[in-house]
Amino acid sequence: MIKPGDGYKSIPKGGLILEGGNAKRYNTGGWRTKKPVLDKDRCINCHLCWAFCPDVSILSKDGVVSDQIDYDHCKGCGICANECPVNAIEMVKE
């Protein structure tokens, strides 16, 4: 099993992921140059940001989009901001 800190040389050839469900252990948020910031006053709770986020970083509880974002896993791709129909998400410099 590959553990955080093992380095790239411990990854099998082809970059295979040998066990399922391991993404939660790897905090990839350090890759960002910009981060999404949600304006809850503008948000219409459509959940498009939540549905399109490839990193499951937009959080929702009891059917309401949270203003808290999982920055440990958000890579700053900006898809959430691009998909928001009311421009409630702004990508700001990290």
N, C-alpha and C. Protein backbone atom coordinates (compact mmCIF):
# COMPACT_ATOMS: atom_id res chain seq x y z
N MET A 1 0.84 -1.18 0.00
CA MET A 1 0.00 0.00 0.00
C MET A 1 0.88 1.25 0.00
N ILE A 2 0.54 2.21 -0.83
CA ILE A 2 1.27 3.47 -0.91
C ILE A 2 0.76 4.39 0.18
N LYS A 3 1.69 4.99 0.92
CA LYS A 3 1.31 5.89 2.00
C LYS A 3 1.79 7.30 1.67
N PRO A 4 1.08 8.32 2.18
CA PRO A 4 1.55 9.69 1.98
C PRO A 4 3.00 9.81 2.46
N GLY A 5 3.82 10.47 1.67
CA GLY A 5 5.22 10.66 2.03
C GLY A 5 6.14 9.59 1.47
N ASP A 6 5.59 8.54 0.86
CA ASP A 6 6.43 7.49 0.30
C ASP A 6 7.21 7.97 -0.93
N GLY A 7 6.71 9.00 -1.59
CA GLY A 7 7.41 9.49 -2.77
C GLY A 7 6.95 8.80 -4.04
N TYR A 8 7.28 9.44 -5.15
CA TYR A 8 6.81 8.94 -6.44
C TYR A 8 7.40 7.59 -6.82
N LYS A 9 8.57 7.24 -6.31
CA LYS A 9 9.21 5.98 -6.69
C LYS A 9 8.46 4.76 -6.16
N SER A 10 7.58 4.97 -5.17
CA SER A 10 6.83 3.85 -4.61
C SER A 10 5.56 3.55 -5.42
N ILE A 11 5.24 4.41 -6.39
CA ILE A 11 4.05 4.20 -7.21
C ILE A 11 4.34 3.13 -8.26
N PRO A 12 3.46 2.14 -8.40
CA PRO A 12 3.70 1.10 -9.40
C PRO A 12 3.73 1.68 -10.82
N LYS A 13 4.40 1.00 -11.72
CA LYS A 13 4.46 1.44 -13.11
C LYS A 13 3.05 1.60 -13.65
N GLY A 14 2.85 2.66 -14.39
CA GLY A 14 1.54 2.94 -14.94
C GLY A 14 0.67 3.76 -14.00
N GLY A 15 1.18 4.11 -12.81
CA GLY A 15 0.43 4.91 -11.87
C GLY A 15 -0.82 4.22 -11.36
N LEU A 16 -0.79 2.91 -11.23
CA LEU A 16 -1.97 2.16 -10.80
C LEU A 16 -2.36 2.50 -9.38
N ILE A 17 -3.65 2.57 -9.14
CA ILE A 17 -4.17 2.71 -7.79
C ILE A 17 -4.63 1.32 -7.37
N LEU A 18 -3.94 0.77 -6.40
CA LEU A 18 -4.15 -0.63 -6.05
C LEU A 18 -5.27 -0.87 -5.07
N GLU A 19 -5.72 0.17 -4.38
CA GLU A 19 -6.83 -0.01 -3.45
C GLU A 19 -7.85 1.09 -3.70
N GLY A 20 -9.12 0.74 -3.51
CA GLY A 20 -10.19 1.71 -3.74
C GLY A 20 -10.39 2.62 -2.55
N GLY A 21 -11.04 3.74 -2.79
CA GLY A 21 -11.42 4.65 -1.71
C GLY A 21 -10.27 5.33 -1.02
N ASN A 22 -9.17 5.59 -1.73
CA ASN A 22 -8.01 6.16 -1.08
C ASN A 22 -7.91 7.68 -1.23
N ALA A 23 -8.76 8.31 -2.03
CA ALA A 23 -8.63 9.73 -2.31
C ALA A 23 -8.77 10.60 -1.06
N LYS A 24 -9.52 10.16 -0.10
CA LYS A 24 -9.74 10.95 1.12
C LYS A 24 -8.44 11.15 1.90
N ARG A 25 -7.51 10.21 1.79
CA ARG A 25 -6.26 10.29 2.53
C ARG A 25 -5.26 11.28 1.93
N TYR A 26 -5.43 11.64 0.66
CA TYR A 26 -4.45 12.48 -0.03
C TYR A 26 -5.00 13.89 -0.18
N ASN A 27 -4.45 14.80 0.60
CA ASN A 27 -4.87 16.20 0.53
C ASN A 27 -4.19 16.86 -0.66
N THR A 28 -4.98 17.11 -1.68
CA THR A 28 -4.45 17.64 -2.93
C THR A 28 -4.71 19.14 -3.09
N GLY A 29 -5.22 19.78 -2.06
CA GLY A 29 -5.54 21.20 -2.14
C GLY A 29 -4.33 22.10 -2.30
N GLY A 30 -3.15 21.60 -2.02
CA GLY A 30 -1.94 22.39 -2.17
C GLY A 30 -1.58 22.70 -3.61
N TRP A 31 -2.29 22.11 -4.55
CA TRP A 31 -2.03 22.35 -5.97
C TRP A 31 -2.61 23.67 -6.44
N ARG A 32 -3.51 24.26 -5.65
CA ARG A 32 -4.28 25.43 -6.08
C ARG A 32 -3.43 26.67 -6.23
N THR A 33 -3.84 27.51 -7.19
CA THR A 33 -3.35 28.89 -7.25
C THR A 33 -4.51 29.84 -6.96
N LYS A 34 -5.74 29.37 -7.20
CA LYS A 34 -6.95 30.13 -6.88
C LYS A 34 -7.89 29.22 -6.12
N LYS A 35 -8.71 29.82 -5.26
CA LYS A 35 -9.67 29.03 -4.50
C LYS A 35 -11.07 29.61 -4.67
N PRO A 36 -12.09 28.76 -4.63
CA PRO A 36 -13.46 29.25 -4.74
C PRO A 36 -13.95 29.80 -3.40
N VAL A 37 -14.65 30.93 -3.49
CA VAL A 37 -15.27 31.52 -2.31
C VAL A 37 -16.74 31.73 -2.65
N LEU A 38 -17.62 31.18 -1.82
CA LEU A 38 -19.05 31.22 -2.07
C LEU A 38 -19.69 32.41 -1.36
N ASP A 39 -20.50 33.17 -2.08
CA ASP A 39 -21.28 34.26 -1.52
C ASP A 39 -22.68 33.70 -1.24
N LYS A 40 -22.96 33.37 0.03
CA LYS A 40 -24.24 32.74 0.40
C LYS A 40 -25.44 33.63 0.10
N ASP A 41 -25.24 34.95 0.07
CA ASP A 41 -26.36 35.86 -0.23
C ASP A 41 -26.80 35.75 -1.69
N ARG A 42 -25.89 35.40 -2.57
CA ARG A 42 -26.23 35.26 -3.99
C ARG A 42 -26.64 33.83 -4.35
N CYS A 43 -26.21 32.86 -3.55
CA CYS A 43 -26.46 31.44 -3.84
C CYS A 43 -27.96 31.13 -3.84
N ILE A 44 -28.41 30.43 -4.89
CA ILE A 44 -29.82 30.04 -4.99
C ILE A 44 -30.01 28.56 -4.65
N ASN A 45 -28.94 27.92 -4.16
CA ASN A 45 -29.00 26.54 -3.69
C ASN A 45 -29.40 25.56 -4.79
N CYS A 46 -28.91 25.79 -6.01
CA CYS A 46 -29.25 24.92 -7.14
C CYS A 46 -28.42 23.63 -7.15
N HIS A 47 -27.33 23.61 -6.42
CA HIS A 47 -26.43 22.46 -6.30
C HIS A 47 -25.67 22.13 -7.58
N LEU A 48 -25.64 23.02 -8.56
CA LEU A 48 -24.84 22.75 -9.76
C LEU A 48 -23.35 22.69 -9.41
N CYS A 49 -22.89 23.56 -8.52
CA CYS A 49 -21.48 23.53 -8.11
C CYS A 49 -21.15 22.20 -7.46
N TRP A 50 -22.03 21.74 -6.62
CA TRP A 50 -21.85 20.46 -5.91
C TRP A 50 -21.83 19.30 -6.91
N ALA A 51 -22.72 19.32 -7.88
CA ALA A 51 -22.82 18.23 -8.85
C ALA A 51 -21.61 18.18 -9.79
N PHE A 52 -21.07 19.32 -10.15
CA PHE A 52 -19.98 19.36 -11.13
C PHE A 52 -18.59 19.28 -10.51
N CYS A 53 -18.46 19.48 -9.21
CA CYS A 53 -17.14 19.47 -8.58
C CYS A 53 -16.50 18.09 -8.70
N PRO A 54 -15.35 17.99 -9.40
CA PRO A 54 -14.72 16.68 -9.57
C PRO A 54 -14.04 16.17 -8.30
N ASP A 55 -13.87 17.03 -7.31
CA ASP A 55 -13.17 16.65 -6.09
C ASP A 55 -14.08 16.51 -4.88
N VAL A 56 -15.39 16.63 -5.08
CA VAL A 56 -16.38 16.57 -4.01
C VAL A 56 -16.00 17.55 -2.89
N SER A 57 -15.56 18.74 -3.28
CA SER A 57 -15.13 19.75 -2.32
C SER A 57 -16.22 20.73 -1.93
N ILE A 58 -17.30 20.79 -2.72
CA ILE A 58 -18.43 21.63 -2.36
C ILE A 58 -19.28 20.81 -1.40
N LEU A 59 -19.49 21.34 -0.22
CA LEU A 59 -20.19 20.59 0.82
C LEU A 59 -21.67 20.98 0.88
N SER A 60 -22.50 20.00 1.15
CA SER A 60 -23.94 20.21 1.27
C SER A 60 -24.44 19.40 2.46
N LYS A 61 -25.30 20.02 3.25
CA LYS A 61 -25.87 19.32 4.40
C LYS A 61 -27.36 19.60 4.45
N ASP A 62 -28.13 18.56 4.57
CA ASP A 62 -29.59 18.66 4.64
C ASP A 62 -30.16 19.42 3.45
N GLY A 63 -29.58 19.20 2.27
CA GLY A 63 -30.07 19.81 1.05
C GLY A 63 -29.71 21.28 0.86
N VAL A 64 -28.77 21.78 1.65
CA VAL A 64 -28.36 23.17 1.55
C VAL A 64 -26.85 23.23 1.30
N VAL A 65 -26.46 23.99 0.27
CA VAL A 65 -25.04 24.16 -0.02
C VAL A 65 -24.40 24.94 1.12
N SER A 66 -23.33 24.39 1.66
CA SER A 66 -22.63 25.02 2.78
C SER A 66 -21.67 26.09 2.25
N ASP A 67 -21.43 27.11 3.06
CA ASP A 67 -20.43 28.10 2.67
C ASP A 67 -19.03 27.60 3.00
N GLN A 68 -18.96 26.44 3.62
CA GLN A 68 -17.67 25.81 3.90
C GLN A 68 -17.29 24.95 2.69
N ILE A 69 -16.06 25.07 2.24
CA ILE A 69 -15.54 24.29 1.12
C ILE A 69 -14.40 23.45 1.62
N ASP A 70 -14.31 22.23 1.15
CA ASP A 70 -13.23 21.33 1.56
C ASP A 70 -11.97 21.72 0.80
N TYR A 71 -11.24 22.69 1.37
CA TYR A 71 -10.03 23.17 0.73
C TYR A 71 -8.88 22.17 0.80
N ASP A 72 -9.00 21.14 1.64
CA ASP A 72 -7.96 20.10 1.68
C ASP A 72 -7.92 19.32 0.38
N HIS A 73 -9.06 19.22 -0.32
CA HIS A 73 -9.13 18.43 -1.54
C HIS A 73 -9.41 19.26 -2.79
N CYS A 74 -9.86 20.49 -2.64
CA CYS A 74 -10.15 21.36 -3.78
C CYS A 74 -8.85 21.71 -4.50
N LYS A 75 -8.82 21.44 -5.81
CA LYS A 75 -7.63 21.74 -6.61
C LYS A 75 -7.70 23.09 -7.29
N GLY A 76 -8.81 23.82 -7.12
CA GLY A 76 -8.93 25.15 -7.68
C GLY A 76 -9.20 25.18 -9.17
N CYS A 77 -9.89 24.18 -9.69
CA CYS A 77 -10.13 24.08 -11.13
C CYS A 77 -11.11 25.14 -11.63
N GLY A 78 -12.00 25.63 -10.76
CA GLY A 78 -12.93 26.68 -11.14
C GLY A 78 -14.20 26.20 -11.82
N ILE A 79 -14.40 24.90 -11.92
CA ILE A 79 -15.62 24.37 -12.54
C ILE A 79 -16.84 24.84 -11.77
N CYS A 80 -16.77 24.84 -10.45
CA CYS A 80 -17.91 25.28 -9.64
C CYS A 80 -18.31 26.71 -9.98
N ALA A 81 -17.34 27.60 -10.09
CA ALA A 81 -17.62 29.00 -10.42
C ALA A 81 -18.16 29.13 -11.83
N ASN A 82 -17.63 28.34 -12.74
CA ASN A 82 -18.08 28.39 -14.13
C ASN A 82 -19.52 27.92 -14.28
N GLU A 83 -19.92 26.92 -13.51
CA GLU A 83 -21.26 26.35 -13.62
C GLU A 83 -22.32 27.11 -12.84
N CYS A 84 -21.92 27.97 -11.91
CA CYS A 84 -22.89 28.70 -11.09
C CYS A 84 -23.68 29.68 -11.95
N PRO A 85 -25.02 29.52 -12.01
CA PRO A 85 -25.83 30.37 -12.88
C PRO A 85 -26.01 31.80 -12.37
N VAL A 86 -25.66 32.05 -11.09
CA VAL A 86 -25.84 33.40 -10.53
C VAL A 86 -24.52 34.02 -10.09
N ASN A 87 -23.42 33.42 -10.51
CA ASN A 87 -22.08 33.93 -10.19
C ASN A 87 -21.88 34.13 -8.68
N ALA A 88 -22.32 33.15 -7.92
CA ALA A 88 -22.17 33.22 -6.45
C ALA A 88 -20.82 32.71 -5.97
N ILE A 89 -20.02 32.16 -6.89
CA ILE A 89 -18.71 31.65 -6.53
C ILE A 89 -17.66 32.44 -7.29
N GLU A 90 -16.72 32.98 -6.52
CA GLU A 90 -15.63 33.74 -7.11
C GLU A 90 -14.33 32.99 -6.87
N MET A 91 -13.50 32.91 -7.90
CA MET A 91 -12.19 32.30 -7.76
C MET A 91 -11.22 33.41 -7.37
N VAL A 92 -10.65 33.29 -6.17
CA VAL A 92 -9.73 34.32 -5.68
C VAL A 92 -8.33 33.74 -5.57
N LYS A 93 -7.34 34.61 -5.73
CA LYS A 93 -5.95 34.18 -5.64
C LYS A 93 -5.66 33.61 -4.26
N GLU A 94 -4.98 32.50 -4.23
CA GLU A 94 -4.65 31.80 -2.98
C GLU A 94 -3.67 32.63 -2.18
